[in-house]
């Protein structure tokens, strides 16, 4: 692995699906909401944090999914 690939893999180590999307290119589909529903609330909150979103800490799972999809 190259140095940059290793750093990218480390950055995305908690979210395998995100890593695969990054490597293979993002393929947004109509099932994106369904895909996010497979994550735990903690994982969704981590995604929101990584995206620099605010106001997510008290949201329920469905609201987190809505926030991440918009």
PDB file of N, CA and C in Angstrom:
ATOM      1  N   UNK A   1       0.830  -1.188   0.000  1.00  0.00           N
ATOM      2  CA  UNK A   1       0.000   0.000   0.000  1.00  0.00           C
ATOM      3  C   UNK A   1       0.869   1.244   0.000  1.00  0.00           C
ATOM      4  N   UNK A   2       0.407   2.224  -0.729  1.00  0.00           N
ATOM      5  CA  UNK A   2       1.138   3.483  -0.711  1.00  0.00           C
ATOM      6  C   UNK A   2       0.846   4.223   0.584  1.00  0.00           C
ATOM      7  N   UNK A   3       1.658   5.185   0.882  1.00  0.00           N
ATOM      8  CA  UNK A   3       1.509   5.951   2.115  1.00  0.00           C
ATOM      9  C   UNK A   3       0.148   6.647   2.168  1.00  0.00           C
ATOM     10  N   UNK A   4      -0.272   7.238   1.051  1.00  0.00           N
ATOM     11  CA  UNK A   4      -1.551   7.953   1.037  1.00  0.00           C
ATOM     12  C   UNK A   4      -2.726   6.983   1.160  1.00  0.00           C
ATOM     13  N   UNK A   5      -2.623   5.823   0.527  1.00  0.00           N
ATOM     14  CA  UNK A   5      -3.687   4.823   0.633  1.00  0.00           C
ATOM     15  C   UNK A   5      -3.820   4.339   2.072  1.00  0.00           C
ATOM     16  N   UNK A   6      -2.706   4.168   2.746  1.00  0.00           N
ATOM     17  CA  UNK A   6      -2.720   3.750   4.146  1.00  0.00           C
ATOM     18  C   UNK A   6      -3.400   4.804   5.008  1.00  0.00           C
ATOM     19  N   UNK A   7      -3.095   6.074   4.776  1.00  0.00           N
ATOM     20  CA  UNK A   7      -3.722   7.147   5.554  1.00  0.00           C
ATOM     21  C   UNK A   7      -5.221   7.201   5.300  1.00  0.00           C
ATOM     22  N   UNK A   8      -5.635   7.013   4.065  1.00  0.00           N
ATOM     23  CA  UNK A   8      -7.059   7.009   3.741  1.00  0.00           C
ATOM     24  C   UNK A   8      -7.740   5.825   4.425  1.00  0.00           C
ATOM     25  N   UNK A   9      -7.126   4.663   4.381  1.00  0.00           N
ATOM     26  CA  UNK A   9      -7.684   3.476   5.025  1.00  0.00           C
ATOM     27  C   UNK A   9      -7.813   3.681   6.532  1.00  0.00           C
ATOM     28  N   UNK A  10      -6.823   4.303   7.151  1.00  0.00           N
ATOM     29  CA  UNK A  10      -6.891   4.585   8.584  1.00  0.00           C
ATOM     30  C   UNK A  10      -8.029   5.548   8.894  1.00  0.00           C
ATOM     31  N   UNK A  11      -8.196   6.580   8.057  1.00  0.00           N
ATOM     32  CA  UNK A  11      -9.234   7.578   8.278  1.00  0.00           C
ATOM     33  C   UNK A  11     -10.618   6.955   8.237  1.00  0.00           C
ATOM     34  N   UNK A  12     -10.820   6.028   7.310  1.00  0.00           N
ATOM     35  CA  UNK A  12     -12.130   5.421   7.135  1.00  0.00           C
ATOM     36  C   UNK A  12     -12.262   4.053   7.813  1.00  0.00           C
ATOM     37  N   UNK A  13     -11.377   3.714   8.702  1.00  0.00           N
ATOM     38  CA  UNK A  13     -11.348   2.363   9.261  1.00  0.00           C
ATOM     39  C   UNK A  13     -12.628   1.972   9.988  1.00  0.00           C
ATOM     40  N   UNK A  14     -13.369   2.923  10.539  1.00  0.00           N
ATOM     41  CA  UNK A  14     -14.599   2.606  11.251  1.00  0.00           C
ATOM     42  C   UNK A  14     -15.776   2.390  10.321  1.00  0.00           C
ATOM     43  N   UNK A  15     -15.667   2.819   9.089  1.00  0.00           N
ATOM     44  CA  UNK A  15     -16.801   2.721   8.180  1.00  0.00           C
ATOM     45  C   UNK A  15     -16.349   2.124   6.858  1.00  0.00           C
ATOM     46  N   UNK A  16     -16.364   0.809   6.796  1.00  0.00           N
ATOM     47  CA  UNK A  16     -15.915   0.069   5.618  1.00  0.00           C
ATOM     48  C   UNK A  16     -16.661   0.513   4.362  1.00  0.00           C
ATOM     49  N   UNK A  17     -17.964   0.720   4.461  1.00  0.00           N
ATOM     50  CA  UNK A  17     -18.751   1.114   3.297  1.00  0.00           C
ATOM     51  C   UNK A  17     -18.295   2.460   2.756  1.00  0.00           C
ATOM     52  N   UNK A  18     -17.982   3.396   3.640  1.00  0.00           N
ATOM     53  CA  UNK A  18     -17.488   4.696   3.187  1.00  0.00           C
ATOM     54  C   UNK A  18     -16.162   4.541   2.453  1.00  0.00           C
ATOM     55  N   UNK A  19     -15.299   3.681   2.956  1.00  0.00           N
ATOM     56  CA  UNK A  19     -14.016   3.442   2.308  1.00  0.00           C
ATOM     57  C   UNK A  19     -14.224   2.865   0.916  1.00  0.00           C
ATOM     58  N   UNK A  20     -15.118   1.908   0.804  1.00  0.00           N
ATOM     59  CA  UNK A  20     -15.377   1.305  -0.493  1.00  0.00           C
ATOM     60  C   UNK A  20     -15.964   2.329  -1.466  1.00  0.00           C
ATOM     61  N   UNK A  21     -16.847   3.197  -0.992  1.00  0.00           N
ATOM     62  CA  UNK A  21     -17.399   4.246  -1.838  1.00  0.00           C
ATOM     63  C   UNK A  21     -16.302   5.218  -2.273  1.00  0.00           C
ATOM     64  N   UNK A  22     -15.390   5.526  -1.360  1.00  0.00           N
ATOM     65  CA  UNK A  22     -14.303   6.445  -1.669  1.00  0.00           C
ATOM     66  C   UNK A  22     -13.387   5.855  -2.733  1.00  0.00           C
ATOM     67  N   UNK A  23     -13.032   4.615  -2.581  1.00  0.00           N
ATOM     68  CA  UNK A  23     -12.125   3.965  -3.524  1.00  0.00           C
ATOM     69  C   UNK A  23     -12.797   3.756  -4.874  1.00  0.00           C
ATOM     70  N   UNK A  24     -14.049   3.302  -4.850  1.00  0.00           N
ATOM     71  CA  UNK A  24     -14.739   2.982  -6.090  1.00  0.00           C
ATOM     72  C   UNK A  24     -15.529   4.126  -6.667  1.00  0.00           C
ATOM     73  N   UNK A  25     -15.542   5.259  -6.014  1.00  0.00           N
ATOM     74  CA  UNK A  25     -16.355   6.380  -6.464  1.00  0.00           C
ATOM     75  C   UNK A  25     -17.713   6.308  -5.807  1.00  0.00           C
ATOM     76  N   UNK A  26     -18.245   7.432  -5.465  1.00  0.00           N
ATOM     77  CA  UNK A  26     -19.544   7.489  -4.807  1.00  0.00           C
ATOM     78  C   UNK A  26     -20.637   7.188  -5.803  1.00  0.00           C
ATOM     79  N   UNK A  27     -21.515   6.255  -5.451  1.00  0.00           N
ATOM     80  CA  UNK A  27     -22.636   5.884  -6.296  1.00  0.00           C
ATOM     81  C   UNK A  27     -23.901   6.100  -5.506  1.00  0.00           C
ATOM     82  N   UNK A  28     -24.452   7.311  -5.593  1.00  0.00           N
ATOM     83  CA  UNK A  28     -25.679   7.591  -4.864  1.00  0.00           C
ATOM     84  C   UNK A  28     -26.817   6.847  -5.521  1.00  0.00           C
ATOM     85  N   UNK A  29     -27.619   6.202  -4.694  1.00  0.00           N
ATOM     86  CA  UNK A  29     -28.757   5.451  -5.201  1.00  0.00           C
ATOM     87  C   UNK A  29     -29.988   5.831  -4.420  1.00  0.00           C
ATOM     88  N   UNK A  30     -31.110   5.345  -4.885  1.00  0.00           N
ATOM     89  CA  UNK A  30     -32.352   5.602  -4.175  1.00  0.00           C
ATOM     90  C   UNK A  30     -32.390   4.879  -2.837  1.00  0.00           C
ATOM     91  N   UNK A  31     -31.522   3.910  -2.630  1.00  0.00           N
ATOM     92  CA  UNK A  31     -31.523   3.137  -1.390  1.00  0.00           C
ATOM     93  C   UNK A  31     -30.552   3.700  -0.357  1.00  0.00           C
ATOM     94  N   UNK A  32     -30.059   4.924  -0.566  1.00  0.00           N
ATOM     95  CA  UNK A  32     -29.115   5.514   0.384  1.00  0.00           C
ATOM     96  C   UNK A  32     -29.717   5.576   1.780  1.00  0.00           C
ATOM     97  N   UNK A  33     -30.988   5.933   1.899  1.00  0.00           N
ATOM     98  CA  UNK A  33     -31.646   5.981   3.193  1.00  0.00           C
ATOM     99  C   UNK A  33     -31.657   4.599   3.820  1.00  0.00           C
ATOM    100  N   UNK A  34     -31.958   3.593   3.038  1.00  0.00           N
ATOM    101  CA  UNK A  34     -31.978   2.220   3.538  1.00  0.00           C
ATOM    102  C   UNK A  34     -30.584   1.801   3.996  1.00  0.00           C
ATOM    103  N   UNK A  35     -29.558   2.167   3.251  1.00  0.00           N
ATOM    104  CA  UNK A  35     -28.195   1.828   3.632  1.00  0.00           C
ATOM    105  C   UNK A  35     -27.832   2.459   4.978  1.00  0.00           C
ATOM    106  N   UNK A  36     -28.209   3.705   5.189  1.00  0.00           N
ATOM    107  CA  UNK A  36     -27.906   4.368   6.449  1.00  0.00           C
ATOM    108  C   UNK A  36     -28.662   3.738   7.616  1.00  0.00           C
ATOM    109  N   UNK A  37     -29.798   3.151   7.343  1.00  0.00           N
ATOM    110  CA  UNK A  37     -30.572   2.547   8.427  1.00  0.00           C
ATOM    111  C   UNK A  37     -29.873   1.332   9.029  1.00  0.00           C
ATOM    112  N   UNK A  38     -28.891   0.812   8.334  1.00  0.00           N
ATOM    113  CA  UNK A  38     -28.131  -0.330   8.845  1.00  0.00           C
ATOM    114  C   UNK A  38     -27.076   0.074   9.871  1.00  0.00           C
ATOM    115  N   UNK A  39     -26.818   1.376   9.974  1.00  0.00           N
ATOM    116  CA  UNK A  39     -25.828   1.871  10.923  1.00  0.00           C
ATOM    117  C   UNK A  39     -26.459   2.101  12.292  1.00  0.00           C
ATOM    118  N   UNK A  40     -25.628   2.067  13.328  1.00  0.00           N
ATOM    119  CA  UNK A  40     -26.097   2.377  14.672  1.00  0.00           C
ATOM    120  C   UNK A  40     -26.184   3.895  14.829  1.00  0.00           C
ATOM    121  N   UNK A  41     -26.887   4.343  15.868  1.00  0.00           N
ATOM    122  CA  UNK A  41     -26.996   5.773  16.150  1.00  0.00           C
ATOM    123  C   UNK A  41     -25.602   6.366  16.370  1.00  0.00           C
ATOM    124  N   UNK A  42     -24.751   5.645  17.075  1.00  0.00           N
ATOM    125  CA  UNK A  42     -23.393   6.127  17.330  1.00  0.00           C
ATOM    126  C   UNK A  42     -22.619   6.311  16.024  1.00  0.00           C
ATOM    127  N   UNK A  43     -22.768   5.376  15.099  1.00  0.00           N
ATOM    128  CA  UNK A  43     -22.083   5.491  13.814  1.00  0.00           C
ATOM    129  C   UNK A  43     -22.626   6.676  13.004  1.00  0.00           C
ATOM    130  N   UNK A  44     -23.944   6.866  13.052  1.00  0.00           N
ATOM    131  CA  UNK A  44     -24.556   7.981  12.336  1.00  0.00           C
ATOM    132  C   UNK A  44     -24.086   9.316  12.906  1.00  0.00           C
ATOM    133  N   UNK A  45     -23.990   9.390  14.232  1.00  0.00           N
ATOM    134  CA  UNK A  45     -23.507  10.620  14.866  1.00  0.00           C
ATOM    135  C   UNK A  45     -22.047  10.874  14.491  1.00  0.00           C
ATOM    136  N   UNK A  46     -21.265   9.820  14.394  1.00  0.00           N
ATOM    137  CA  UNK A  46     -19.875   9.962  13.979  1.00  0.00           C
ATOM    138  C   UNK A  46     -19.798  10.481  12.547  1.00  0.00           C
ATOM    139  N   UNK A  47     -20.667   9.994  11.670  1.00  0.00           N
ATOM    140  CA  UNK A  47     -20.715  10.482  10.286  1.00  0.00           C
ATOM    141  C   UNK A  47     -21.062  11.965  10.254  1.00  0.00           C
ATOM    142  N   UNK A  48     -22.039  12.361  11.061  1.00  0.00           N
ATOM    143  CA  UNK A  48     -22.442  13.762  11.123  1.00  0.00           C
ATOM    144  C   UNK A  48     -21.270  14.618  11.595  1.00  0.00           C
ATOM    145  N   UNK A  49     -20.555  14.138  12.584  1.00  0.00           N
ATOM    146  CA  UNK A  49     -19.392  14.862  13.101  1.00  0.00           C
ATOM    147  C   UNK A  49     -18.326  15.001  12.018  1.00  0.00           C
ATOM    148  N   UNK A  50     -18.039  13.893  11.290  1.00  0.00           N
ATOM    149  CA  UNK A  50     -17.034  13.908  10.230  1.00  0.00           C
ATOM    150  C   UNK A  50     -17.404  14.882   9.113  1.00  0.00           C
ATOM    151  N   UNK A  51     -18.698  15.062   8.884  1.00  0.00           N
ATOM    152  CA  UNK A  51     -19.159  15.970   7.825  1.00  0.00           C
ATOM    153  C   UNK A  51     -19.251  17.421   8.311  1.00  0.00           C
ATOM    154  N   UNK A  52     -18.945  17.632   9.581  1.00  0.00           N
ATOM    155  CA  UNK A  52     -18.954  18.983  10.124  1.00  0.00           C
ATOM    156  C   UNK A  52     -20.349  19.520  10.405  1.00  0.00           C
ATOM    157  N   UNK A  53     -21.315  18.622  10.544  1.00  0.00           N
ATOM    158  CA  UNK A  53     -22.685  19.035  10.826  1.00  0.00           C
ATOM    159  C   UNK A  53     -22.828  19.392  12.305  1.00  0.00           C
ATOM    160  N   UNK A  54     -23.831  20.191  12.617  1.00  0.00           N
ATOM    161  CA  UNK A  54     -24.086  20.558  14.004  1.00  0.00           C
ATOM    162  C   UNK A  54     -25.524  20.232  14.374  1.00  0.00           C
ATOM    163  N   UNK A  55     -25.795  20.174  15.672  1.00  0.00           N
ATOM    164  CA  UNK A  55     -27.148  19.948  16.162  1.00  0.00           C
ATOM    165  C   UNK A  55     -27.631  18.521  16.054  1.00  0.00           C
ATOM    166  N   UNK A  56     -26.729  17.576  15.936  1.00  0.00           N
ATOM    167  CA  UNK A  56     -27.109  16.178  15.754  1.00  0.00           C
ATOM    168  C   UNK A  56     -27.103  15.366  17.043  1.00  0.00           C
ATOM    169  N   UNK A  57     -26.527  15.884  18.097  1.00  0.00           N
ATOM    170  CA  UNK A  57     -26.287  15.075  19.301  1.00  0.00           C
ATOM    171  C   UNK A  57     -27.557  14.550  19.962  1.00  0.00           C
ATOM    172  N   UNK A  58     -28.663  15.266  19.863  1.00  0.00           N
ATOM    173  CA  UNK A  58     -29.892  14.814  20.525  1.00  0.00           C
ATOM    174  C   UNK A  58     -30.903  14.197  19.548  1.00  0.00           C
ATOM    175  N   UNK A  59     -30.502  14.037  18.282  1.00  0.00           N
ATOM    176  CA  UNK A  59     -31.427  13.506  17.280  1.00  0.00           C
ATOM    177  C   UNK A  59     -31.615  12.002  17.410  1.00  0.00           C
ATOM    178  N   UNK A  60     -32.795  11.552  17.032  1.00  0.00           N
ATOM    179  CA  UNK A  60     -33.082  10.121  16.969  1.00  0.00           C
ATOM    180  C   UNK A  60     -32.587   9.595  15.630  1.00  0.00           C
ATOM    181  N   UNK A  61     -32.548   8.281  15.501  1.00  0.00           N
ATOM    182  CA  UNK A  61     -31.971   7.637  14.331  1.00  0.00           C
ATOM    183  C   UNK A  61     -32.589   8.137  13.023  1.00  0.00           C
ATOM    184  N   UNK A  62     -33.902   8.180  12.935  1.00  0.00           N
ATOM    185  CA  UNK A  62     -34.560   8.619  11.692  1.00  0.00           C
ATOM    186  C   UNK A  62     -34.186  10.052  11.352  1.00  0.00           C
ATOM    187  N   UNK A  63     -34.089  10.903  12.355  1.00  0.00           N
ATOM    188  CA  UNK A  63     -33.729  12.295  12.129  1.00  0.00           C
ATOM    189  C   UNK A  63     -32.261  12.425  11.700  1.00  0.00           C
ATOM    190  N   UNK A  64     -31.405  11.581  12.261  1.00  0.00           N
ATOM    191  CA  UNK A  64     -29.997  11.569  11.850  1.00  0.00           C
ATOM    192  C   UNK A  64     -29.883  11.163  10.385  1.00  0.00           C
ATOM    193  N   UNK A  65     -30.640  10.167   9.988  1.00  0.00           N
ATOM    194  CA  UNK A  65     -30.616   9.709   8.596  1.00  0.00           C
ATOM    195  C   UNK A  65     -31.068  10.836   7.674  1.00  0.00           C
ATOM    196  N   UNK A  66     -32.134  11.528   8.058  1.00  0.00           N
ATOM    197  CA  UNK A  66     -32.617  12.663   7.256  1.00  0.00           C
ATOM    198  C   UNK A  66     -31.530  13.736   7.141  1.00  0.00           C
ATOM    199  N   UNK A  67     -30.889  14.054   8.257  1.00  0.00           N
ATOM    200  CA  UNK A  67     -29.845  15.063   8.270  1.00  0.00           C
ATOM    201  C   UNK A  67     -28.701  14.667   7.350  1.00  0.00           C
ATOM    202  N   UNK A  68     -28.285  13.417   7.414  1.00  0.00           N
ATOM    203  CA  UNK A  68     -27.160  12.955   6.601  1.00  0.00           C
ATOM    204  C   UNK A  68     -27.506  12.861   5.120  1.00  0.00           C
ATOM    205  N   UNK A  69     -28.752  12.654   4.799  1.00  0.00           N
ATOM    206  CA  UNK A  69     -29.155  12.555   3.400  1.00  0.00           C
ATOM    207  C   UNK A  69     -29.375  13.912   2.754  1.00  0.00           C
ATOM    208  N   UNK A  70     -29.469  14.951   3.546  1.00  0.00           N
ATOM    209  CA  UNK A  70     -29.710  16.293   2.968  1.00  0.00           C
ATOM    210  C   UNK A  70     -28.494  17.127   2.940  1.00  0.00           C
TER     211      UNK A  70
END
